[in-house]
Amino acid sequence: MAQGSVRSFFREYGIYLAWLVSMVATAGSLYLSEVLYYEPCKLCWFQRIFMYPLVLLLGMAAFRNDRRILVYALPLSIIGGSISAYHYAQQKIPGLAKILPCKVGIPCNIDYLNWWGFVTIPFMALIAFILINVSLFLARASSIQE
């Protein structure tokens, strides 16, 4: 794919792609908690706090084709991704769970899912936040260049 067509793709569809990822991530988290009855831990709740508003913000931005929303959506996604990265590290590095343990409710280092030895719920959230960040950054970068 030529460089110009990649730019035009993200200029046109970057916000839509980020919105789609946020909708899938939100639907997935609701499915895991409300259908499969996986109780979210404290760090899962913080990740949800940063993901759920992105559905509304990016949906409104996509509907209006409003690029100004990126300055509001990117910080939410970056902070949420940082929490996901810490949560994933806490699950995979046993010593981290002892430094700042979840003392109320479900322990944060418990793996409800562990596909192929590395895909857990915080890992999937981290991938969603990364995809949103990349899509928004490229949509923003391509709109600034022109």
Protein backbone atom coordinates (compact mmCIF):
# COMPACT_ATOMS: atom_id res chain seq x y z
CA MET A 1 0.00 0.00 0.00
CA ALA A 2 1.43 3.39 -0.93
CA GLN A 3 2.24 5.89 1.78
CA GLY A 4 -0.32 8.39 0.45
CA SER A 5 -3.12 5.85 0.56
CA VAL A 6 -2.29 4.91 4.17
CA ARG A 7 -2.44 8.59 5.12
CA SER A 8 -5.73 9.06 3.35
CA PHE A 9 -7.13 5.89 4.96
CA PHE A 10 -6.33 7.12 8.47
CA ARG A 11 -7.42 10.65 7.65
CA GLU A 12 -10.80 9.29 6.59
CA TYR A 13 -11.29 6.30 8.88
CA GLY A 14 -8.94 6.65 11.89
CA ILE A 15 -11.65 7.94 14.19
CA TYR A 16 -14.07 5.25 12.98
CA LEU A 17 -11.48 2.53 13.60
CA ALA A 18 -10.79 3.84 17.11
CA TRP A 19 -14.54 4.00 17.77
CA LEU A 20 -15.01 0.43 16.55
CA VAL A 21 -12.21 -0.84 18.81
CA SER A 22 -13.67 0.99 21.82
CA MET A 23 -17.12 -0.50 21.13
CA VAL A 24 -15.72 -4.04 20.84
CA ALA A 25 -13.67 -3.60 24.04
CA THR A 26 -16.67 -2.24 25.94
CA ALA A 27 -18.96 -4.99 24.67
CA GLY A 28 -16.32 -7.59 25.54
CA SER A 29 -15.91 -6.33 29.10
CA LEU A 30 -19.67 -6.24 29.60
CA TYR A 31 -19.97 -9.77 28.19
CA LEU A 32 -17.28 -11.07 30.54
CA SER A 33 -18.86 -9.51 33.62
CA GLU A 34 -22.59 -9.70 32.88
CA VAL A 35 -22.86 -12.95 30.89
CA LEU A 36 -19.91 -15.02 32.14
CA TYR A 37 -20.11 -13.47 35.63
CA TYR A 38 -16.39 -12.67 35.91
CA GLU A 39 -16.19 -10.16 38.72
CA PRO A 40 -13.91 -7.23 37.78
CA CYS A 41 -11.05 -6.36 40.08
CA LYS A 42 -10.11 -2.84 41.14
CA LEU A 43 -7.72 -2.29 38.21
CA CYS A 44 -10.33 -3.64 35.76
CA TRP A 45 -12.74 -0.98 37.00
CA PHE A 46 -10.15 1.75 36.38
CA GLN A 47 -9.60 0.45 32.85
CA ARG A 48 -13.35 0.54 32.26
CA ILE A 49 -13.50 4.11 33.57
CA PHE A 50 -11.12 5.14 30.78
CA MET A 51 -12.59 2.91 28.02
CA TYR A 52 -16.34 3.44 28.35
CA PRO A 53 -16.35 7.23 27.73
CA LEU A 54 -14.32 6.66 24.56
CA VAL A 55 -17.34 4.94 22.99
CA LEU A 56 -19.41 8.10 23.39
CA LEU A 57 -16.67 10.63 22.62
CA LEU A 58 -15.38 8.83 19.54
CA GLY A 59 -18.92 8.05 18.37
CA MET A 60 -19.86 11.73 18.48
CA ALA A 61 -16.58 12.68 16.80
CA ALA A 62 -17.08 10.10 14.06
CA PHE A 63 -20.66 11.25 13.47
CA ARG A 64 -19.58 14.89 13.18
CA ASN A 65 -16.18 14.12 11.61
CA ASP A 66 -14.74 16.30 14.36
CA ARG A 67 -10.95 16.00 14.68
CA ARG A 68 -10.82 18.27 17.73
CA ILE A 69 -12.00 15.38 19.94
CA LEU A 70 -8.59 13.75 19.58
CA VAL A 71 -7.03 15.98 22.23
CA TYR A 72 -9.64 14.70 24.70
CA ALA A 73 -9.71 11.07 23.64
CA LEU A 74 -5.95 10.48 23.46
CA PRO A 75 -5.28 11.21 27.17
CA LEU A 76 -8.09 8.86 28.20
CA SER A 77 -6.67 6.13 26.00
CA ILE A 78 -3.07 6.67 27.10
CA ILE A 79 -3.94 6.60 30.80
CA GLY A 80 -6.18 3.54 30.35
CA GLY A 81 -3.43 1.77 28.42
CA SER A 82 -0.94 2.53 31.18
CA ILE A 83 -3.27 0.99 33.76
CA SER A 84 -3.71 -2.06 31.51
CA ALA A 85 0.05 -2.44 31.11
CA TYR A 86 0.54 -2.27 34.87
CA HIS A 87 -2.29 -4.74 35.46
CA TYR A 88 -0.86 -7.18 32.92
CA ALA A 89 2.60 -6.86 34.49
CA GLN A 90 1.08 -7.52 37.88
CA GLN A 91 -0.43 -10.76 36.57
CA LYS A 92 2.74 -11.97 34.88
CA ILE A 93 5.38 -10.78 37.39
CA PRO A 94 4.54 -12.31 40.79
CA GLY A 95 6.50 -9.76 42.83
CA LEU A 96 4.45 -6.80 41.56
CA ALA A 97 1.25 -8.11 43.14
CA LYS A 98 2.90 -7.89 46.56
CA ILE A 99 3.96 -4.23 46.13
CA LEU A 100 0.48 -2.78 45.61
CA PRO A 101 -2.06 -5.56 46.17
CA CYS A 102 -5.79 -5.32 45.55
CA LYS A 103 -7.13 -5.63 49.09
CA VAL A 104 -10.85 -5.31 48.35
CA GLY A 105 -12.76 -7.79 46.21
CA ILE A 106 -11.08 -9.94 43.58
CA PRO A 107 -7.25 -9.97 43.60
CA CYS A 108 -5.84 -8.14 40.56
CA ASN A 109 -3.29 -10.87 39.81
CA ILE A 110 -5.95 -13.57 39.22
CA ASP A 111 -6.28 -14.74 35.59
CA TYR A 112 -9.82 -15.54 34.53
CA LEU A 113 -8.53 -16.17 31.02
CA ASN A 114 -5.04 -17.25 30.09
CA TRP A 115 -5.00 -18.24 26.44
CA TRP A 116 -1.68 -19.51 25.06
CA GLY A 117 0.03 -18.52 28.30
CA PHE A 118 -0.03 -14.76 27.68
CA VAL A 119 -3.47 -13.53 26.54
CA THR A 120 -5.37 -12.32 29.60
CA ILE A 121 -8.16 -9.79 30.04
CA PRO A 122 -5.76 -6.91 30.85
CA PHE A 123 -3.66 -7.89 27.80
CA MET A 124 -6.74 -7.63 25.57
CA ALA A 125 -7.55 -4.24 27.10
CA LEU A 126 -3.96 -3.13 26.51
CA ILE A 127 -4.16 -4.15 22.85
CA ALA A 128 -7.45 -2.23 22.51
CA PHE A 129 -5.93 0.91 24.04
CA ILE A 130 -2.86 0.60 21.80
CA LEU A 131 -5.04 0.25 18.69
CA ILE A 132 -7.08 3.30 19.73
CA ASN A 133 -3.92 5.32 20.41
CA VAL A 134 -2.34 4.41 17.09
CA SER A 135 -5.52 5.09 15.12
CA LEU A 136 -6.07 8.46 16.77
CA PHE A 137 -2.43 9.47 16.52
CA LEU A 138 -2.29 8.62 12.82
CA ALA A 139 -5.61 10.36 12.18
CA ARG A 140 -4.29 13.41 13.99
CA ALA A 141 -0.88 13.30 12.30
CA SER A 142 -2.37 12.95 8.85
CA SER A 143 -4.80 15.83 9.39
CA ILE A 144 -1.97 18.08 10.67
CA GLN A 145 0.27 17.39 7.68
CA GLU A 146 -2.25 18.64 5.16
